[in-house]
Amino acid sequence: VTVTADDGAILYVNDAMTRLFGYSAAELLALNVRDLNADPPARKEEMISEMQRTCAAEGRWVGELNSLRKDGSQFTSRAAVAPF
């Protein structure tokens, strides 16, 4: 579980998130969700725009992301994003 601000700043993470990405909670709270994505910058922004549009229209976005661990390894994650 990750809670972010509108700009992507990470506000809260649970223990599973720290284990999955290899960061401590304090380290994750200093990051932006964009830092956890392995895509090029332009693609990251496209994904965020798509998530925002879908959330506005349907109430949530569900899909796969190219994720990046602290050690630099990449993996595909499945995420559900919803505003609250």
Protein backbone atom coordinates (compact mmCIF):
# COMPACT_ATOMS: atom_id res chain seq x y z
CA VAL A 1 0.00 0.00 0.00
CA THR A 2 1.25 3.44 -0.92
CA VAL A 3 -0.48 6.77 -0.35
CA THR A 4 0.74 9.72 -2.40
CA ALA A 5 0.03 13.40 -2.75
CA ASP A 6 -1.35 14.70 -6.05
CA ASP A 7 2.20 15.45 -7.21
CA GLY A 8 3.34 11.86 -6.54
CA ALA A 9 5.18 12.53 -3.27
CA ILE A 10 4.97 9.41 -1.14
CA LEU A 11 3.12 10.05 2.12
CA TYR A 12 2.68 6.50 3.49
CA VAL A 13 3.87 2.97 2.75
CA ASN A 14 3.18 -0.34 4.45
CA ASP A 15 5.75 -3.01 5.30
CA ALA A 16 5.00 -5.03 2.16
CA MET A 17 5.93 -2.03 0.02
CA THR A 18 9.29 -1.66 1.78
CA ARG A 19 10.07 -5.35 1.27
CA LEU A 20 9.00 -5.32 -2.37
CA PHE A 21 11.09 -2.29 -3.33
CA GLY A 22 14.01 -2.80 -0.93
CA TYR A 23 13.80 0.61 0.74
CA SER A 24 13.12 1.51 4.35
CA ALA A 25 9.88 3.38 5.02
CA ALA A 26 11.88 6.55 5.71
CA GLU A 27 13.66 6.25 2.35
CA LEU A 28 10.38 5.75 0.49
CA LEU A 29 8.83 8.77 2.21
CA ALA A 30 11.62 10.88 0.70
CA LEU A 31 10.76 9.71 -2.84
CA ASN A 32 8.17 10.39 -5.51
CA VAL A 33 6.32 7.44 -7.06
CA ARG A 34 8.04 8.34 -10.34
CA ASP A 35 11.31 7.23 -8.70
CA LEU A 36 9.93 3.70 -8.42
CA ASN A 37 9.15 3.40 -12.14
CA ALA A 38 11.71 2.09 -14.64
CA ASP A 39 10.16 3.76 -17.71
CA PRO A 40 11.72 6.77 -19.46
CA PRO A 41 10.49 10.15 -18.11
CA ALA A 42 8.05 10.82 -20.97
CA ARG A 43 6.42 7.40 -20.52
CA LYS A 44 6.12 7.96 -16.75
CA GLU A 45 4.19 11.16 -17.40
CA GLU A 46 1.96 9.42 -19.96
CA MET A 47 1.14 6.72 -17.41
CA ILE A 48 0.33 9.26 -14.71
CA SER A 49 -1.95 11.17 -17.10
CA GLU A 50 -3.67 7.93 -18.07
CA MET A 51 -4.13 7.01 -14.40
CA GLN A 52 -5.61 10.43 -13.61
CA ARG A 53 -8.01 10.34 -16.58
CA THR A 54 -9.16 6.81 -15.79
CA CYS A 55 -9.61 7.58 -12.09
CA ALA A 56 -11.67 10.66 -12.93
CA ALA A 57 -13.87 8.72 -15.35
CA GLU A 58 -14.12 5.34 -13.64
CA GLY A 59 -13.06 5.88 -10.04
CA ARG A 60 -9.88 3.80 -10.28
CA TRP A 61 -7.08 2.62 -12.57
CA VAL A 62 -5.75 -0.95 -12.61
CA GLY A 63 -2.78 -2.05 -14.65
CA GLU A 64 0.84 -3.12 -14.86
CA LEU A 65 3.86 -0.94 -14.18
CA ASN A 66 7.56 -1.33 -14.91
CA SER A 67 8.88 -1.02 -11.38
CA LEU A 68 12.39 -0.34 -10.09
CA ARG A 69 13.86 -1.60 -6.82
CA LYS A 70 16.49 0.23 -4.78
CA ASP A 71 19.16 -2.19 -6.06
CA GLY A 72 18.32 -1.24 -9.66
CA SER A 73 16.55 -4.47 -10.54
CA GLN A 74 13.34 -4.15 -12.51
CA PHE A 75 10.09 -6.07 -12.23
CA THR A 76 6.52 -5.85 -13.44
CA SER A 77 4.02 -4.92 -10.76
CA ARG A 78 0.26 -4.82 -10.89
CA ALA A 79 -1.29 -1.76 -9.26
CA ALA A 80 -4.70 -0.38 -8.41
CA VAL A 81 -4.84 3.40 -8.10
CA ALA A 82 -7.79 5.28 -6.64
CA PRO A 83 -8.25 8.82 -5.36
CA PHE A 84 -9.54 9.45 -1.86
